[in-house]
């Protein structure tokens, strides 16, 4: 795999991880809303199970956030070390020919 293709794949993974991070955040918000709504309702099943689900989801969200940060840094380092901007410029020039 050439360097530009590798960078593009890495950037795609960063975008996908960001989507997963946002989805996890939305799930946490929905769980929180269910817990708040249940304060008025008082359903024992929801009361007993949702905190555990929230905790596991929060742990997963944190793990995804950490992977995203680390992989974003790896992608940025790869771009800098391999002069990706210059490779993109050259590719654009080659495509015009």
N, C-alpha and C. Protein backbone atom coordinates (compact mmCIF):
# COMPACT_ATOMS: atom_id res chain seq x y z
N UNK A 1 0.86 -1.18 0.00
CA UNK A 1 0.00 0.00 0.00
C UNK A 1 0.90 1.23 0.00
N UNK A 2 0.62 2.15 -0.92
CA UNK A 2 1.45 3.36 -0.93
C UNK A 2 1.07 4.28 0.23
N UNK A 3 1.92 5.25 0.49
CA UNK A 3 1.78 6.10 1.67
C UNK A 3 0.49 6.92 1.64
N UNK A 4 0.13 7.43 0.48
CA UNK A 4 -1.07 8.24 0.39
C UNK A 4 -2.32 7.40 0.65
N UNK A 5 -2.37 6.20 0.08
CA UNK A 5 -3.51 5.32 0.32
C UNK A 5 -3.59 4.91 1.79
N UNK A 6 -2.44 4.65 2.38
CA UNK A 6 -2.42 4.29 3.80
C UNK A 6 -2.95 5.45 4.64
N UNK A 7 -2.50 6.67 4.33
CA UNK A 7 -2.99 7.83 5.07
C UNK A 7 -4.49 7.99 4.91
N UNK A 8 -4.99 7.84 3.70
CA UNK A 8 -6.43 7.99 3.45
C UNK A 8 -7.22 6.95 4.24
N UNK A 9 -6.72 5.73 4.33
CA UNK A 9 -7.39 4.70 5.11
C UNK A 9 -7.34 5.05 6.60
N UNK A 10 -6.20 5.55 7.06
CA UNK A 10 -6.09 5.96 8.46
C UNK A 10 -7.08 7.10 8.76
N UNK A 11 -7.18 8.07 7.87
CA UNK A 11 -8.10 9.19 8.06
C UNK A 11 -9.55 8.69 8.08
N UNK A 12 -9.86 7.71 7.25
CA UNK A 12 -11.20 7.14 7.23
C UNK A 12 -11.51 6.49 8.58
N UNK A 13 -10.55 5.76 9.12
CA UNK A 13 -10.75 5.12 10.42
C UNK A 13 -10.96 6.17 11.50
N UNK A 14 -10.21 7.26 11.44
CA UNK A 14 -10.40 8.35 12.41
C UNK A 14 -11.84 8.86 12.34
N UNK A 15 -12.34 9.08 11.13
CA UNK A 15 -13.73 9.56 10.97
C UNK A 15 -14.73 8.55 11.53
N UNK A 16 -14.49 7.27 11.28
CA UNK A 16 -15.39 6.23 11.79
C UNK A 16 -15.34 6.15 13.32
N UNK A 17 -14.15 6.27 13.89
CA UNK A 17 -14.04 6.29 15.35
C UNK A 17 -14.77 7.50 15.93
N UNK A 18 -14.67 8.63 15.27
CA UNK A 18 -15.38 9.83 15.72
C UNK A 18 -16.89 9.59 15.68
N UNK A 19 -17.37 8.94 14.64
CA UNK A 19 -18.80 8.60 14.55
C UNK A 19 -19.21 7.69 15.70
N UNK A 20 -18.39 6.70 16.00
CA UNK A 20 -18.69 5.78 17.11
C UNK A 20 -18.69 6.55 18.43
N UNK A 21 -17.73 7.45 18.60
CA UNK A 21 -17.67 8.26 19.84
C UNK A 21 -18.94 9.07 20.01
N UNK A 22 -19.39 9.71 18.93
CA UNK A 22 -20.61 10.51 18.99
C UNK A 22 -21.83 9.64 19.26
N UNK A 23 -21.87 8.46 18.68
CA UNK A 23 -22.98 7.53 18.91
C UNK A 23 -23.01 7.09 20.37
N UNK A 24 -21.86 6.80 20.93
CA UNK A 24 -21.79 6.40 22.34
C UNK A 24 -22.27 7.54 23.23
N UNK A 25 -21.90 8.76 22.89
CA UNK A 25 -22.34 9.91 23.68
C UNK A 25 -23.86 10.03 23.62
N UNK A 26 -24.43 9.82 22.44
CA UNK A 26 -25.89 9.89 22.30
C UNK A 26 -26.57 8.80 23.13
N UNK A 27 -25.99 7.60 23.15
CA UNK A 27 -26.55 6.51 23.96
C UNK A 27 -26.51 6.89 25.44
N UNK A 28 -25.40 7.45 25.89
CA UNK A 28 -25.30 7.86 27.29
C UNK A 28 -26.36 8.91 27.64
N UNK A 29 -26.58 9.86 26.73
CA UNK A 29 -27.59 10.88 26.98
C UNK A 29 -28.99 10.27 27.05
N UNK A 30 -29.28 9.32 26.18
CA UNK A 30 -30.59 8.66 26.19
C UNK A 30 -30.79 7.86 27.48
N UNK A 31 -29.76 7.16 27.90
CA UNK A 31 -29.86 6.40 29.15
C UNK A 31 -30.12 7.36 30.31
N UNK A 32 -29.42 8.48 30.32
CA UNK A 32 -29.63 9.48 31.37
C UNK A 32 -31.06 10.00 31.37
N UNK A 33 -31.62 10.23 30.20
CA UNK A 33 -33.00 10.71 30.10
C UNK A 33 -33.97 9.65 30.62
N UNK A 34 -33.70 8.40 30.29
CA UNK A 34 -34.56 7.31 30.79
C UNK A 34 -34.51 7.28 32.31
N UNK A 35 -33.32 7.41 32.87
CA UNK A 35 -33.18 7.40 34.33
C UNK A 35 -33.93 8.56 34.97
N UNK A 36 -33.85 9.74 34.37
CA UNK A 36 -34.56 10.91 34.90
C UNK A 36 -36.07 10.70 34.80
N UNK A 37 -36.54 10.22 33.64
CA UNK A 37 -37.97 9.97 33.48
C UNK A 37 -38.46 8.92 34.46
N UNK A 38 -37.60 7.96 34.74
CA UNK A 38 -38.00 6.90 35.65
C UNK A 38 -38.07 7.36 37.10
N UNK A 39 -37.47 8.47 37.42
CA UNK A 39 -37.60 8.99 38.79
C UNK A 39 -39.07 9.21 39.10
N UNK A 40 -39.80 9.75 38.15
CA UNK A 40 -41.23 9.98 38.33
C UNK A 40 -42.02 8.67 38.25
N UNK A 41 -41.63 7.80 37.32
CA UNK A 41 -42.36 6.55 37.12
C UNK A 41 -42.09 5.54 38.23
N UNK A 42 -40.82 5.40 38.60
CA UNK A 42 -40.46 4.50 39.69
C UNK A 42 -40.43 3.02 39.33
N UNK A 43 -40.16 2.69 38.08
CA UNK A 43 -40.08 1.28 37.69
C UNK A 43 -38.80 0.68 38.28
N UNK A 44 -38.98 -0.42 39.02
CA UNK A 44 -37.86 -1.03 39.72
C UNK A 44 -36.85 -1.68 38.76
N UNK A 45 -37.33 -2.28 37.68
CA UNK A 45 -36.43 -2.90 36.71
C UNK A 45 -35.49 -1.85 36.10
N UNK A 46 -36.07 -0.77 35.64
CA UNK A 46 -35.25 0.32 35.06
C UNK A 46 -34.32 0.88 36.12
N UNK A 47 -34.84 1.07 37.31
CA UNK A 47 -34.04 1.62 38.41
C UNK A 47 -32.85 0.73 38.75
N UNK A 48 -33.04 -0.58 38.66
CA UNK A 48 -31.96 -1.49 39.04
C UNK A 48 -30.96 -1.75 37.91
N UNK A 49 -31.42 -1.75 36.66
CA UNK A 49 -30.56 -2.15 35.54
C UNK A 49 -29.85 -0.98 34.83
N UNK A 50 -30.51 0.17 34.74
CA UNK A 50 -29.95 1.26 33.94
C UNK A 50 -28.61 1.81 34.46
N UNK A 51 -28.42 1.93 35.77
CA UNK A 51 -27.10 2.42 36.21
C UNK A 51 -25.94 1.52 35.77
N UNK A 52 -26.17 0.21 35.79
CA UNK A 52 -25.15 -0.73 35.35
C UNK A 52 -24.88 -0.57 33.85
N UNK A 53 -25.95 -0.46 33.09
CA UNK A 53 -25.81 -0.27 31.64
C UNK A 53 -25.11 1.05 31.35
N UNK A 54 -25.49 2.09 32.08
CA UNK A 54 -24.84 3.39 31.90
C UNK A 54 -23.34 3.29 32.18
N UNK A 55 -22.99 2.62 33.26
CA UNK A 55 -21.58 2.48 33.64
C UNK A 55 -20.76 1.75 32.58
N UNK A 56 -21.30 0.64 32.07
CA UNK A 56 -20.59 -0.10 31.03
C UNK A 56 -20.46 0.73 29.76
N UNK A 57 -21.53 1.43 29.42
CA UNK A 57 -21.50 2.26 28.21
C UNK A 57 -20.50 3.40 28.38
N UNK A 58 -20.44 3.98 29.56
CA UNK A 58 -19.48 5.06 29.83
C UNK A 58 -18.04 4.55 29.73
N UNK A 59 -17.80 3.34 30.22
CA UNK A 59 -16.46 2.75 30.10
C UNK A 59 -16.09 2.54 28.63
N UNK A 60 -17.03 2.03 27.85
CA UNK A 60 -16.79 1.84 26.42
C UNK A 60 -16.55 3.17 25.71
N UNK A 61 -17.33 4.17 26.08
CA UNK A 61 -17.17 5.49 25.47
C UNK A 61 -15.79 6.05 25.77
N UNK A 62 -15.32 5.85 26.98
CA UNK A 62 -13.98 6.34 27.36
C UNK A 62 -12.90 5.58 26.59
N UNK A 63 -13.07 4.28 26.44
CA UNK A 63 -12.10 3.49 25.68
C UNK A 63 -12.05 3.94 24.22
N UNK A 64 -13.20 4.19 23.65
CA UNK A 64 -13.26 4.66 22.26
C UNK A 64 -12.61 6.04 22.14
N UNK A 65 -12.88 6.92 23.11
CA UNK A 65 -12.28 8.26 23.09
C UNK A 65 -10.76 8.15 23.13
N UNK A 66 -10.23 7.27 23.95
CA UNK A 66 -8.78 7.11 24.07
C UNK A 66 -8.19 6.55 22.78
N UNK A 67 -8.85 5.54 22.21
CA UNK A 67 -8.37 4.99 20.93
C UNK A 67 -8.38 6.08 19.87
N UNK A 68 -9.45 6.85 19.82
CA UNK A 68 -9.56 7.93 18.84
C UNK A 68 -8.41 8.93 18.99
N UNK A 69 -8.17 9.38 20.22
CA UNK A 69 -7.09 10.33 20.44
C UNK A 69 -5.74 9.77 20.02
N UNK A 70 -5.47 8.54 20.43
CA UNK A 70 -4.18 7.92 20.11
C UNK A 70 -4.03 7.69 18.61
N UNK A 71 -5.09 7.20 17.97
CA UNK A 71 -5.00 6.92 16.55
C UNK A 71 -4.95 8.21 15.73
N UNK A 72 -5.63 9.26 16.20
CA UNK A 72 -5.55 10.56 15.52
C UNK A 72 -4.12 11.07 15.56
N UNK A 73 -3.47 10.93 16.71
CA UNK A 73 -2.07 11.35 16.83
C UNK A 73 -1.18 10.53 15.91
N UNK A 74 -1.42 9.23 15.86
CA UNK A 74 -0.65 8.35 14.98
C UNK A 74 -0.84 8.77 13.52
N UNK A 75 -2.07 9.09 13.15
CA UNK A 75 -2.37 9.53 11.78
C UNK A 75 -1.68 10.86 11.48
N UNK A 76 -1.74 11.79 12.41
CA UNK A 76 -1.08 13.09 12.22
C UNK A 76 0.44 12.91 12.08
N UNK A 77 1.00 12.06 12.93
CA UNK A 77 2.44 11.80 12.85
C UNK A 77 2.81 11.17 11.51
N UNK A 78 2.01 10.22 11.06
CA UNK A 78 2.26 9.57 9.77
C UNK A 78 2.21 10.61 8.65
N UNK A 79 1.23 11.51 8.70
CA UNK A 79 1.11 12.55 7.68
C UNK A 79 2.34 13.44 7.67
N UNK A 80 2.79 13.84 8.85
CA UNK A 80 3.96 14.70 8.93
C UNK A 80 5.24 14.01 8.51
N UNK A 81 5.41 12.78 8.93
CA UNK A 81 6.64 12.03 8.61
C UNK A 81 6.74 11.64 7.15
N UNK A 82 5.60 11.58 6.47
CA UNK A 82 5.59 11.12 5.08
C UNK A 82 5.19 12.20 4.09
N UNK A 83 5.17 13.45 4.56
CA UNK A 83 4.91 14.59 3.69
C UNK A 83 3.65 14.38 2.85
N UNK A 84 2.56 14.03 3.52
CA UNK A 84 1.31 13.68 2.85
C UNK A 84 0.76 14.86 2.04
N UNK A 85 0.89 16.08 2.54
CA UNK A 85 0.40 17.23 1.78
C UNK A 85 1.07 17.32 0.41
N UNK A 86 2.35 17.09 0.39
CA UNK A 86 3.10 17.13 -0.88
C UNK A 86 2.65 15.98 -1.80
N UNK A 87 2.43 14.80 -1.22
CA UNK A 87 1.97 13.67 -2.02
C UNK A 87 0.58 13.94 -2.62
N UNK A 88 -0.29 14.61 -1.84
CA UNK A 88 -1.61 14.96 -2.36
C UNK A 88 -1.50 15.95 -3.51
N UNK A 89 -0.63 16.94 -3.35
CA UNK A 89 -0.42 17.92 -4.42
C UNK A 89 0.07 17.23 -5.69
N UNK A 90 1.03 16.32 -5.53
CA UNK A 90 1.55 15.61 -6.69
C UNK A 90 0.47 14.76 -7.35
N UNK A 91 -0.36 14.14 -6.55
CA UNK A 91 -1.45 13.34 -7.10
C UNK A 91 -2.43 14.20 -7.91
N UNK A 92 -2.73 15.40 -7.39
CA UNK A 92 -3.62 16.32 -8.11
C UNK A 92 -2.99 16.74 -9.45
N UNK A 93 -1.71 17.01 -9.44
CA UNK A 93 -1.01 17.38 -10.66
C UNK A 93 -1.07 16.23 -11.66
N UNK A 94 -0.81 15.02 -11.17
CA UNK A 94 -0.84 13.84 -12.05
C UNK A 94 -2.24 13.60 -12.61
N UNK A 95 -3.26 13.90 -11.84
CA UNK A 95 -4.64 13.71 -12.31
C UNK A 95 -5.03 14.73 -13.38
N UNK A 96 -4.36 15.88 -13.39
CA UNK A 96 -4.66 16.91 -14.38
C UNK A 96 -4.03 16.60 -15.73
N UNK A 97 -3.05 15.73 -15.74
CA UNK A 97 -2.33 15.43 -16.97
C UNK A 97 -3.08 14.47 -17.84
